[in-house]
Each structure stands twice: as C-alpha cells, then as structure tokens.
Amino acid sequence: MGMCAYAVLAERKICSYIQGRVGPNRTRLPLIGDVPILGDFLTGLGLFQPAADGLKFLFKEEITPGHVKLGYYYLAPIIALTPALTTMVVLPFGRYIDDAGVVHPLALANLDVGFLFILAISSLGVYGIVLAGWASNSKYPFLGAIRSSAQMISYELALGVSILPVFMWAAAPGSDYGMSLFGVVQSQETLWLIIWQPLSALIFLVAIFAETNRLPFDMAESETDLVGGFHTEYGAFKFGIFFVAEYAHIIMGSAIFVLLFVGGWHFLPGLPDPWPAGITGAILSALWFLAKVGVMVFFFIWIRWTLPRFRYDQVMTLGWKILLPLAVGNLVFNTLLIALIDVL
C-alpha cells in the first residue's frame, strides 16, 4: 500500500517533468515539514503529498447516486483491489542463504504453481471493473466495463501463451529448477531470460500494459470519450480504492516481469551475486529486487505520458492478429527446440 501511494506521487512528478511543470511541491507535515532546509527539500520533492491525498479521499463526502445498484456498487472497488494485493502472497522478493548454504526464497508462500495462482487471481480484478460499470446503471461506465472485459479476454490469451516457453525451459529435461517462480529466478543466475527469450518478454510486457488498463490501452477509462469510464459515478474513498487498485496492479505486474525476465534479485547478467549469506544478504537482495521493480514502474509511467491512446479496433487487432499468433509461433519454436536438444 505504501508503494501504491508513492507510485501515484512518482506518476505526478514524472508527468510534470515530461510536460515541463514542477508537480506537487507545497504539501508539508507539521514538525517534519517545518525542519529548516530538510523540510523544504522533502516538501519540494512532494514526499508529504500521498498523505494529503489519502486523507482527502478519506474525509470527502460519500455521495451515492440514487440510480445505482447499491450492494454491487459498494462491492466493486473491493473486488478490484483484493486480487492485486492477494497475488503478493506467492511473489518471492529475495533470497536467504542459511548456515548450511541452502538457498531459501523470501516469500509468504513458495508455491510450485505460483504463476498459475497469479494468473487465476489477477484475472479476477476485471470483475471489479465490470461490476462497477454495471452497478453504476449509467451508459458511460457500462461501455467502459464492456471494453475492459473484451480487452482482458483478448490479452489474457497472449499473456498466458507467452509465458509457457519460460517455464518449459525452467523445467526442461536436465534442468535442476521446477516450475515455481523461485525456480525461474534461480535459473537466471547467469543469464537473464529477457536476453534469450526477448519475444516472450515483449509479448508479456505489452499484455501487462493491457491487463492493467494503462495507456495506450486504457479503454476502460478513456476520458476523451467515456468521461471517466467505469468509475464515472464513483467519488471520495471508493474512487480512491480504484486508484490504489490500478497502481497495485502496476506494481505486481512489474514485479512479475522482473521475476520472469530480468533476473529477480540476481545482480547483473554474467556477474555473481555480491549478496552475502544471512540476514544482510537477504535484505540486500530484496532491496535490489525492489530497485528493479521501481525501474519497471517508471517505464509504465514513461510510456503513459509518451504514447497516445489506441483506438478500440486497434487494440483488438493488436491482441488477436499480432500478439496471439506471435505467442503461439514462439511457443511452437521453443517446443521444437527443446525437443531437438533432448534428442541430441
């Protein structure tokens, strides 16, 4: 949740830098903000702005339109946020080496089918958007919900197929690693998958943009033609929950991309990890992983304020006629290559 708050701040500051503005630099907290020099520096960076934004959403008047389907209207933001936070359970964010030299993942649950769990849970987030659009009982949110569901179906296929070669190589004959996310990261100790699986990485990255409803794929919101899209009828804290859900999905998507293609907590391709054994090494590996996630979040923000929005027909064409055939072709190629290596 803290990362979501500061991802919003990063969005605003990066956006303002790209547009030649200053961004939030006025909000200050008592005591800390009043410290000479340090308080001015932190205020200029906008570090107190997330607290102001959160309190603003919390204390705003809760206005509920009279025409909405009430129970589902309140349920939708919760359904949108919960899957994004739940996927964190199976994400390994570092490693710990015990006294016997055994490597353990830093994760709440190191499931052998961790990525299947992520696919199953994260795809539920679209139900929050669909429910919000339907329960709002209004035309603009309903159109946004329809677009979002169509987009999810279109890109979920390409996303799932693009990942299969990654796990095929991780669990290939002769490999010491299983199909868990921890095994995939460990298999990248000397070479990151983005180097020798660039097509899978590209397809997965584009699909993640579409799954998180970020520009240039924000068909569900599309302010230029749908006012606010699925959350047009929402305000105050309910709108804030939708906002947090979007950035939670971005952070989780960035973390998954780092785990699958950019080596997770491993240092650099071809270089051994400098992290020592024990608690110190565990903390350093987790910080390095978070730094990579931060770079990916910056990339998400950078793309949003650089590229224009696609038309709806262009989004569908890209998903069905370009990404899905590429993903299937990539899967067939890697299957034949693994089979050939196995025979030889």
Foldseek 3Di string as FASTA:
>chain_A
DVVLLVLVLVLQCVLQVVVVHQGQQADFDPPQLPDPPRNNVCSSSVVCVSVVVLVFLAPDDFDADPPFQPPLLLCLLVQLAVLLVVLQQQFFLFWAQDPVRDIDTDHNDFDLPSVVVNLVSLLSNLVSQCSLLVRSVDDLQNQLSVLLVVLSVLLSLLLVLLCVLLQCVLCFPPHPFGNTLVSSLVVPQAHFQCVVSVLSLVSNVVSLCLSLCFPLNVSQQPCVPRVGHSCPSGGRNSVVSNSSSSSSSLLSSLLSSCSNGVNNLHDHHRDGRPQDHDDRSRVSSSVSNVVSSVVSSSVSSVNRSPDHHDDSVVSNCCRHVPSNVSSVVSSVVSVVVSVVVVVD
